[in-house]
Amino acid sequence: MGWNDKLKNKKDETKGAAKENLGKATGDEQMQREGHSDQSVSNLKQAGEKVKDTFKKD
C-alpha cells in the first residue's frame, strides 16, 4: 500500500507541475493556481507518507 500511495502522490505532483506550466504558457492564472495547489497537496501527502515510514521502522 505504501509504494502505491507514494507513486500516486508523485504522479499528482507531476500533473500539478504540468498544469501550472501550461497555465503560465497560456496566461491562464486560474489553471496556474490550481496546478500550484495540486503540487502543494501532493507534497503534504508525501510528507505524511514519510512520517508513517519513520514510525514503521521500529
PDB file of N, CA and C in Angstrom:
ATOM      1  N   MET A   1       0.825  -1.199   0.000  1.00  0.00           N
ATOM      2  CA  MET A   1       0.000   0.000   0.000  1.00  0.00           C
ATOM      3  C   MET A   1       0.859   1.248   0.000  1.00  0.00           C
ATOM      4  N   GLY A   2       1.977   1.249   0.692  1.00  0.00           N
ATOM      5  CA  GLY A   2       2.822   2.420   0.811  1.00  0.00           C
ATOM      6  C   GLY A   2       3.402   2.886  -0.522  1.00  0.00           C
ATOM      7  N   TRP A   3       3.934   1.932  -1.304  1.00  0.00           N
ATOM      8  CA  TRP A   3       4.524   2.308  -2.584  1.00  0.00           C
ATOM      9  C   TRP A   3       3.486   2.844  -3.545  1.00  0.00           C
ATOM     10  N   ASN A   4       2.311   2.248  -3.552  1.00  0.00           N
ATOM     11  CA  ASN A   4       1.254   2.733  -4.443  1.00  0.00           C
ATOM     12  C   ASN A   4       0.884   4.171  -4.111  1.00  0.00           C
ATOM     13  N   ASP A   5       0.786   4.467  -2.822  1.00  0.00           N
ATOM     14  CA  ASP A   5       0.464   5.831  -2.398  1.00  0.00           C
ATOM     15  C   ASP A   5       1.560   6.798  -2.810  1.00  0.00           C
ATOM     16  N   LYS A   6       2.807   6.385  -2.634  1.00  0.00           N
ATOM     17  CA  LYS A   6       3.936   7.247  -2.991  1.00  0.00           C
ATOM     18  C   LYS A   6       3.958   7.539  -4.489  1.00  0.00           C
ATOM     19  N   LEU A   7       3.728   6.501  -5.283  1.00  0.00           N
ATOM     20  CA  LEU A   7       3.706   6.692  -6.730  1.00  0.00           C
ATOM     21  C   LEU A   7       2.547   7.593  -7.164  1.00  0.00           C
ATOM     22  N   LYS A   8       1.401   7.397  -6.550  1.00  0.00           N
ATOM     23  CA  LYS A   8       0.236   8.225  -6.879  1.00  0.00           C
ATOM     24  C   LYS A   8       0.507   9.688  -6.518  1.00  0.00           C
ATOM     25  N   ASN A   9       1.126   9.914  -5.364  1.00  0.00           N
ATOM     26  CA  ASN A   9       1.435  11.278  -4.947  1.00  0.00           C
ATOM     27  C   ASN A   9       2.440  11.929  -5.896  1.00  0.00           C
ATOM     28  N   LYS A  10       3.432  11.174  -6.326  1.00  0.00           N
ATOM     29  CA  LYS A  10       4.433  11.704  -7.249  1.00  0.00           C
ATOM     30  C   LYS A  10       3.785  12.026  -8.589  1.00  0.00           C
ATOM     31  N   LYS A  11       2.868  11.148  -9.038  1.00  0.00           N
ATOM     32  CA  LYS A  11       2.155  11.384 -10.288  1.00  0.00           C
ATOM     33  C   LYS A  11       1.321  12.658 -10.189  1.00  0.00           C
ATOM     34  N   ASP A  12       0.644  12.837  -9.056  1.00  0.00           N
ATOM     35  CA  ASP A  12      -0.171  14.030  -8.849  1.00  0.00           C
ATOM     36  C   ASP A  12       0.682  15.292  -8.815  1.00  0.00           C
ATOM     37  N   GLU A  13       1.873  15.182  -8.220  1.00  0.00           N
ATOM     38  CA  GLU A  13       2.779  16.333  -8.170  1.00  0.00           C
ATOM     39  C   GLU A  13       3.213  16.730  -9.589  1.00  0.00           C
ATOM     40  N   THR A  14       3.567  15.731 -10.385  1.00  0.00           N
ATOM     41  CA  THR A  14       3.996  15.978 -11.757  1.00  0.00           C
ATOM     42  C   THR A  14       2.853  16.566 -12.580  1.00  0.00           C
ATOM     43  N   LYS A  15       1.669  16.040 -12.376  1.00  0.00           N
ATOM     44  CA  LYS A  15       0.483  16.542 -13.079  1.00  0.00           C
ATOM     45  C   LYS A  15       0.216  18.002 -12.695  1.00  0.00           C
ATOM     46  N   GLY A  16       0.386  18.324 -11.407  1.00  0.00           N
ATOM     47  CA  GLY A  16       0.197  19.699 -10.951  1.00  0.00           C
ATOM     48  C   GLY A  16       1.218  20.639 -11.553  1.00  0.00           C
ATOM     49  N   ALA A  17       2.464  20.172 -11.666  1.00  0.00           N
ATOM     50  CA  ALA A  17       3.517  20.997 -12.262  1.00  0.00           C
ATOM     51  C   ALA A  17       3.211  21.266 -13.734  1.00  0.00           C
ATOM     52  N   ALA A  18       2.738  20.236 -14.427  1.00  0.00           N
ATOM     53  CA  ALA A  18       2.381  20.407 -15.835  1.00  0.00           C
ATOM     54  C   ALA A  18       1.225  21.396 -15.982  1.00  0.00           C
ATOM     55  N   LYS A  19       0.259  21.278 -15.105  1.00  0.00           N
ATOM     56  CA  LYS A  19      -0.894  22.176 -15.135  1.00  0.00           C
ATOM     57  C   LYS A  19      -0.455  23.619 -14.863  1.00  0.00           C
ATOM     58  N   GLU A  20       0.438  23.792 -13.889  1.00  0.00           N
ATOM     59  CA  GLU A  20       0.935  25.126 -13.569  1.00  0.00           C
ATOM     60  C   GLU A  20       1.697  25.723 -14.755  1.00  0.00           C
ATOM     61  N   ASN A  21       2.561  24.918 -15.365  1.00  0.00           N
ATOM     62  CA  ASN A  21       3.333  25.405 -16.514  1.00  0.00           C
ATOM     63  C   ASN A  21       2.452  25.708 -17.716  1.00  0.00           C
ATOM     64  N   LEU A  22       1.437  24.905 -17.936  1.00  0.00           N
ATOM     65  CA  LEU A  22       0.500  25.169 -19.026  1.00  0.00           C
ATOM     66  C   LEU A  22      -0.254  26.470 -18.764  1.00  0.00           C
ATOM     67  N   GLY A  23      -0.637  26.680 -17.506  1.00  0.00           N
ATOM     68  CA  GLY A  23      -1.300  27.934 -17.143  1.00  0.00           C
ATOM     69  C   GLY A  23      -0.413  29.142 -17.383  1.00  0.00           C
ATOM     70  N   LYS A  24       0.877  29.005 -17.059  1.00  0.00           N
ATOM     71  CA  LYS A  24       1.831  30.091 -17.309  1.00  0.00           C
ATOM     72  C   LYS A  24       1.951  30.360 -18.803  1.00  0.00           C
ATOM     73  N   ALA A  25       2.059  29.284 -19.576  1.00  0.00           N
ATOM     74  CA  ALA A  25       2.260  29.418 -21.021  1.00  0.00           C
ATOM     75  C   ALA A  25       1.055  30.040 -21.722  1.00  0.00           C
ATOM     76  N   THR A  26      -0.128  29.733 -21.228  1.00  0.00           N
ATOM     77  CA  THR A  26      -1.337  30.235 -21.883  1.00  0.00           C
ATOM     78  C   THR A  26      -1.881  31.500 -21.233  1.00  0.00           C
ATOM     79  N   GLY A  27      -1.280  31.911 -20.125  1.00  0.00           N
ATOM     80  CA  GLY A  27      -1.756  33.100 -19.426  1.00  0.00           C
ATOM     81  C   GLY A  27      -3.007  32.843 -18.599  1.00  0.00           C
ATOM     82  N   ASP A  28      -3.307  31.583 -18.326  1.00  0.00           N
ATOM     83  CA  ASP A  28      -4.484  31.206 -17.544  1.00  0.00           C
ATOM     84  C   ASP A  28      -4.084  31.152 -16.065  1.00  0.00           C
ATOM     85  N   GLU A  29      -4.361  32.220 -15.356  1.00  0.00           N
ATOM     86  CA  GLU A  29      -3.945  32.314 -13.954  1.00  0.00           C
ATOM     87  C   GLU A  29      -4.647  31.301 -13.067  1.00  0.00           C
ATOM     88  N   GLN A  30      -5.910  31.009 -13.364  1.00  0.00           N
ATOM     89  CA  GLN A  30      -6.649  30.034 -12.556  1.00  0.00           C
ATOM     90  C   GLN A  30      -6.015  28.649 -12.682  1.00  0.00           C
ATOM     91  N   MET A  31      -5.672  28.254 -13.895  1.00  0.00           N
ATOM     92  CA  MET A  31      -5.042  26.950 -14.099  1.00  0.00           C
ATOM     93  C   MET A  31      -3.682  26.916 -13.409  1.00  0.00           C
ATOM     94  N   GLN A  32      -2.970  28.016 -13.458  1.00  0.00           N
ATOM     95  CA  GLN A  32      -1.670  28.116 -12.808  1.00  0.00           C
ATOM     96  C   GLN A  32      -1.812  27.922 -11.297  1.00  0.00           C
ATOM     97  N   ARG A  33      -2.811  28.585 -10.699  1.00  0.00           N
ATOM     98  CA  ARG A  33      -3.046  28.444  -9.257  1.00  0.00           C
ATOM     99  C   ARG A  33      -3.466  27.024  -8.904  1.00  0.00           C
ATOM    100  N   GLU A  34      -4.328  26.418  -9.732  1.00  0.00           N
ATOM    101  CA  GLU A  34      -4.772  25.041  -9.477  1.00  0.00           C
ATOM    102  C   GLU A  34      -3.587  24.080  -9.512  1.00  0.00           C
ATOM    103  N   GLY A  35      -2.696  24.270 -10.474  1.00  0.00           N
ATOM    104  CA  GLY A  35      -1.518  23.415 -10.580  1.00  0.00           C
ATOM    105  C   GLY A  35      -0.624  23.554  -9.362  1.00  0.00           C
ATOM    106  N   HIS A  36      -0.441  24.775  -8.916  1.00  0.00           N
ATOM    107  CA  HIS A  36       0.366  25.014  -7.728  1.00  0.00           C
ATOM    108  C   HIS A  36      -0.289  24.381  -6.499  1.00  0.00           C
ATOM    109  N   SER A  37      -1.589  24.511  -6.401  1.00  0.00           N
ATOM    110  CA  SER A  37      -2.334  23.915  -5.290  1.00  0.00           C
ATOM    111  C   SER A  37      -2.227  22.392  -5.315  1.00  0.00           C
ATOM    112  N   ASP A  38      -2.359  21.805  -6.492  1.00  0.00           N
ATOM    113  CA  ASP A  38      -2.239  20.347  -6.630  1.00  0.00           C
ATOM    114  C   ASP A  38      -0.867  19.867  -6.155  1.00  0.00           C
ATOM    115  N   GLN A  39       0.159  20.618  -6.500  1.00  0.00           N
ATOM    116  CA  GLN A  39       1.509  20.256  -6.072  1.00  0.00           C
ATOM    117  C   GLN A  39       1.645  20.339  -4.557  1.00  0.00           C
ATOM    118  N   SER A  40       1.071  21.374  -3.972  1.00  0.00           N
ATOM    119  CA  SER A  40       1.155  21.547  -2.520  1.00  0.00           C
ATOM    120  C   SER A  40       0.468  20.399  -1.787  1.00  0.00           C
ATOM    121  N   VAL A  41      -0.698  20.017  -2.257  1.00  0.00           N
ATOM    122  CA  VAL A  41      -1.432  18.907  -1.643  1.00  0.00           C
ATOM    123  C   VAL A  41      -0.616  17.620  -1.760  1.00  0.00           C
ATOM    124  N   SER A  42      -0.046  17.396  -2.924  1.00  0.00           N
ATOM    125  CA  SER A  42       0.759  16.200  -3.137  1.00  0.00           C
ATOM    126  C   SER A  42       1.984  16.190  -2.218  1.00  0.00           C
ATOM    127  N   ASN A  43       2.620  17.344  -2.059  1.00  0.00           N
ATOM    128  CA  ASN A  43       3.790  17.422  -1.176  1.00  0.00           C
ATOM    129  C   ASN A  43       3.406  17.124   0.269  1.00  0.00           C
ATOM    130  N   LEU A  44       2.251  17.593   0.706  1.00  0.00           N
ATOM    131  CA  LEU A  44       1.795  17.295   2.061  1.00  0.00           C
ATOM    132  C   LEU A  44       1.534  15.800   2.242  1.00  0.00           C
ATOM    133  N   LYS A  45       0.944  15.187   1.234  1.00  0.00           N
ATOM    134  CA  LYS A  45       0.687  13.746   1.303  1.00  0.00           C
ATOM    135  C   LYS A  45       2.000  12.967   1.349  1.00  0.00           C
ATOM    136  N   GLN A  46       2.984  13.415   0.573  1.00  0.00           N
ATOM    137  CA  GLN A  46       4.281  12.750   0.580  1.00  0.00           C
ATOM    138  C   GLN A  46       4.944  12.883   1.945  1.00  0.00           C
ATOM    139  N   ALA A  47       4.810  14.041   2.562  1.00  0.00           N
ATOM    140  CA  ALA A  47       5.368  14.238   3.902  1.00  0.00           C
ATOM    141  C   ALA A  47       4.698  13.292   4.892  1.00  0.00           C
ATOM    142  N   GLY A  48       3.399  13.112   4.763  1.00  0.00           N
ATOM    143  CA  GLY A  48       2.671  12.178   5.622  1.00  0.00           C
ATOM    144  C   GLY A  48       3.164  10.760   5.446  1.00  0.00           C
ATOM    145  N   GLU A  49       3.445  10.364   4.211  1.00  0.00           N
ATOM    146  CA  GLU A  49       3.971   9.022   3.941  1.00  0.00           C
ATOM    147  C   GLU A  49       5.338   8.850   4.597  1.00  0.00           C
ATOM    148  N   LYS A  50       6.166   9.886   4.551  1.00  0.00           N
ATOM    149  CA  LYS A  50       7.496   9.807   5.171  1.00  0.00           C
ATOM    150  C   LYS A  50       7.385   9.647   6.683  1.00  0.00           C
ATOM    151  N   VAL A  51       6.442  10.352   7.280  1.00  0.00           N
ATOM    152  CA  VAL A  51       6.230  10.226   8.729  1.00  0.00           C
ATOM    153  C   VAL A  51       5.790   8.808   9.070  1.00  0.00           C
ATOM    154  N   LYS A  52       4.845   8.270   8.281  1.00  0.00           N
ATOM    155  CA  LYS A  52       4.395   6.905   8.528  1.00  0.00           C
ATOM    156  C   LYS A  52       5.556   5.916   8.396  1.00  0.00           C
ATOM    157  N   ASP A  53       6.413   6.114   7.385  1.00  0.00           N
ATOM    158  CA  ASP A  53       7.556   5.230   7.203  1.00  0.00           C
ATOM    159  C   ASP A  53       8.511   5.289   8.393  1.00  0.00           C
ATOM    160  N   THR A  54       8.695   6.475   8.933  1.00  0.00           N
ATOM    161  CA  THR A  54       9.590   6.646  10.072  1.00  0.00           C
ATOM    162  C   THR A  54       9.101   5.832  11.267  1.00  0.00           C
ATOM    163  N   PHE A  55       7.813   5.848  11.521  1.00  0.00           N
ATOM    164  CA  PHE A  55       7.273   5.124  12.666  1.00  0.00           C
ATOM    165  C   PHE A  55       7.174   3.622  12.417  1.00  0.00           C
ATOM    166  N   LYS A  56       7.140   3.192  11.166  1.00  0.00           N
ATOM    167  CA  LYS A  56       7.068   1.775  10.853  1.00  0.00           C
ATOM    168  C   LYS A  56       8.413   1.071  11.053  1.00  0.00           C
ATOM    169  N   LYS A  57       9.503   1.823  11.074  1.00  0.00           N
ATOM    170  CA  LYS A  57      10.828   1.213  11.154  1.00  0.00           C
ATOM    171  C   LYS A  57      11.193   0.717  12.544  1.00  0.00           C
ATOM    172  N   ASP A  58      10.295   0.807  13.491  1.00  0.00           N
ATOM    173  CA  ASP A  58      10.595   0.379  14.862  1.00  0.00           C
ATOM    174  C   ASP A  58      11.010  -1.038  14.912  1.00  0.00           C
TER     175      ASP A  58
END
